[in-house]
C-alpha atoms as a PDB file:
ATOM      1  CA  MET A   1     -12.404  12.796  71.609  1.00  0.00           C
ATOM      2  CA  PRO A   2      -9.009  14.360  72.360  1.00  0.00           C
ATOM      3  CA  MET A   3      -8.860  16.878  75.199  1.00  0.00           C
ATOM      4  CA  ALA A   4      -7.615  19.488  72.731  1.00  0.00           C
ATOM      5  CA  MET A   5     -11.007  19.291  71.006  1.00  0.00           C
ATOM      6  CA  PHE A   6     -12.839  19.847  74.298  1.00  0.00           C
ATOM      7  CA  THR A   7     -10.677  22.923  74.931  1.00  0.00           C
ATOM      8  CA  PHE A   8     -11.217  24.211  71.396  1.00  0.00           C
ATOM      9  CA  LEU A   9     -14.984  23.795  71.549  1.00  0.00           C
ATOM     10  CA  GLU A  10     -15.169  25.423  74.987  1.00  0.00           C
ATOM     11  CA  SER A  11     -13.055  28.388  73.858  1.00  0.00           C
ATOM     12  CA  TYR A  12     -15.144  29.677  70.955  1.00  0.00           C
ATOM     13  CA  ASP A  13     -18.720  30.760  70.335  1.00  0.00           C
ATOM     14  CA  PHE A  14     -20.359  28.318  67.935  1.00  0.00           C
ATOM     15  CA  ALA A  15     -23.877  29.755  68.267  1.00  0.00           C
ATOM     16  CA  GLY A  16     -25.558  29.663  64.875  1.00  0.00           C
ATOM     17  CA  LYS A  17     -22.639  27.807  63.287  1.00  0.00           C
ATOM     18  CA  THR A  18     -22.822  24.478  61.492  1.00  0.00           C
ATOM     19  CA  VAL A  19     -20.426  21.843  62.817  1.00  0.00           C
ATOM     20  CA  ILE A  20     -19.678  18.708  60.797  1.00  0.00           C
ATOM     21  CA  PRO A  21     -17.420  16.302  62.695  1.00  0.00           C
ATOM     22  CA  PHE A  22     -15.102  13.855  60.975  1.00  0.00           C
ATOM     23  CA  CYS A  23     -12.164  11.756  62.054  1.00  0.00           C
ATOM     24  CA  THR A  24      -9.909   8.836  61.335  1.00  0.00           C
ATOM     25  CA  HIS A  25      -9.717   6.043  63.870  1.00  0.00           C
ATOM     26  CA  GLU A  26      -8.522   2.513  64.447  1.00  0.00           C
ATOM     27  CA  GLY A  27     -11.618   1.047  66.043  1.00  0.00           C
ATOM     28  CA  SER A  28     -13.497   3.645  68.073  1.00  0.00           C
ATOM     29  CA  ALA A  29     -15.180   5.426  65.134  1.00  0.00           C
ATOM     30  CA  LEU A  30     -16.765   8.650  66.410  1.00  0.00           C
ATOM     31  CA  GLY A  31     -17.377   7.010  69.783  1.00  0.00           C
ATOM     32  CA  ARG A  32     -19.208   9.518  71.971  1.00  0.00           C
ATOM     33  CA  SER A  33     -17.754  12.510  70.132  1.00  0.00           C
ATOM     34  CA  GLU A  34     -21.042  13.641  68.618  1.00  0.00           C
ATOM     35  CA  SER A  35     -22.814  13.629  71.986  1.00  0.00           C
ATOM     36  CA  TYR A  36     -19.885  15.466  73.613  1.00  0.00           C
ATOM     37  CA  ILE A  37     -19.903  18.065  70.851  1.00  0.00           C
ATOM     38  CA  ALA A  38     -23.673  18.529  71.129  1.00  0.00           C
ATOM     39  CA  ALA A  39     -23.354  19.067  74.891  1.00  0.00           C
ATOM     40  CA  LEU A  40     -20.423  21.483  74.582  1.00  0.00           C
ATOM     41  CA  ILE A  41     -21.914  23.659  71.845  1.00  0.00           C
ATOM     42  CA  PRO A  42     -25.702  23.277  72.110  1.00  0.00           C
ATOM     43  CA  GLU A  43     -26.417  26.423  70.100  1.00  0.00           C
ATOM     44  CA  ALA A  44     -24.606  25.066  67.036  1.00  0.00           C
ATOM     45  CA  GLU A  45     -26.205  22.991  64.314  1.00  0.00           C
ATOM     46  CA  LEU A  46     -24.516  19.591  64.475  1.00  0.00           C
ATOM     47  CA  GLN A  47     -24.560  17.617  61.238  1.00  0.00           C
ATOM     48  CA  LYS A  48     -23.989  13.882  60.741  1.00  0.00           C
ATOM     49  CA  GLY A  49     -20.335  13.020  61.232  1.00  0.00           C
ATOM     50  CA  LEU A  50     -18.057  10.621  59.386  1.00  0.00           C
ATOM     51  CA  ALA A  51     -15.455   8.278  60.816  1.00  0.00           C
ATOM     52  CA  VAL A  52     -12.959   6.596  58.501  1.00  0.00           C
ATOM     53  CA  ARG A  53     -10.736   3.792  59.725  1.00  0.00           C
ATOM     54  CA  GLY A  54      -7.162   4.978  59.352  1.00  0.00           C
ATOM     55  CA  SER A  55      -6.118   1.826  57.544  1.00  0.00           C
ATOM     56  CA  ASN A  56      -8.882   2.461  54.984  1.00  0.00           C
ATOM     57  CA  VAL A  57      -8.144   6.112  54.243  1.00  0.00           C
ATOM     58  CA  ASP A  58      -6.692   5.320  50.832  1.00  0.00           C
ATOM     59  CA  ILE A  59      -9.960   3.640  49.751  1.00  0.00           C
ATOM     60  CA  ALA A  60     -12.438   5.978  51.484  1.00  0.00           C
ATOM     61  CA  GLU A  61     -13.030   8.480  48.690  1.00  0.00           C
ATOM     62  CA  ASP A  62     -16.446   7.034  47.728  1.00  0.00           C
ATOM     63  CA  ASP A  63     -17.555   7.083  51.380  1.00  0.00           C
ATOM     64  CA  VAL A  64     -16.445  10.698  51.779  1.00  0.00           C
ATOM     65  CA  VAL A  65     -18.178  11.774  48.562  1.00  0.00           C
ATOM     66  CA  SER A  66     -21.409   9.985  49.565  1.00  0.00           C
ATOM     67  CA  TRP A  67     -21.296  11.582  53.033  1.00  0.00           C
ATOM     68  CA  LEU A  68     -20.791  15.067  51.587  1.00  0.00           C
ATOM     69  CA  GLU A  69     -23.615  14.549  49.117  1.00  0.00           C
ATOM     70  CA  GLU A  70     -25.914  13.416  51.966  1.00  0.00           C
ATOM     71  CA  LEU A  71     -25.058  16.687  53.700  1.00  0.00           C
ATOM     72  CA  GLY A  72     -26.072  18.617  50.596  1.00  0.00           C
ATOM     73  CA  PHE A  73     -22.699  19.490  49.139  1.00  0.00           C
ATOM     74  CA  GLU A  74     -22.199  19.338  45.397  1.00  0.00           C
ATOM     75  CA  SER A  75     -20.848  16.150  43.933  1.00  0.00           C
ATOM     76  CA  LEU A  76     -17.095  15.894  44.109  1.00  0.00           C
ATOM     77  CA  ALA A  77     -17.025  12.834  41.913  1.00  0.00           C
ATOM     78  CA  ASP A  78     -16.272  14.873  38.793  1.00  0.00           C
ATOM     79  CA  GLY A  79     -13.172  16.381  40.357  1.00  0.00           C
ATOM     80  CA  ASP A  80     -14.707  19.862  40.586  1.00  0.00           C
END
C-alpha cells in the first residue's frame, strides 16, 4: 500500500465508517493492504476489497459488478 494511503488513513477519523478498498495492480493484488487498513482504522467496518490487474481493466466490468453486488449494491448491469 502506498505511503500516502497510510498517511491518509492515519489523518482522519474512520470510526463508524464503512471502508471498501479497491485497487489496480500488476501482480501484488491487494497484498497486505486489507490487514494494514484494519490495523490503522480498527473502528471502521472494513468490507471485502477488489484488486484488478491493470492490464485487465478494460475487461473487468463483470468482476466489478459482481463484487458490488456481493457487497449489497444494486445491480449496475442495466446501466442504471
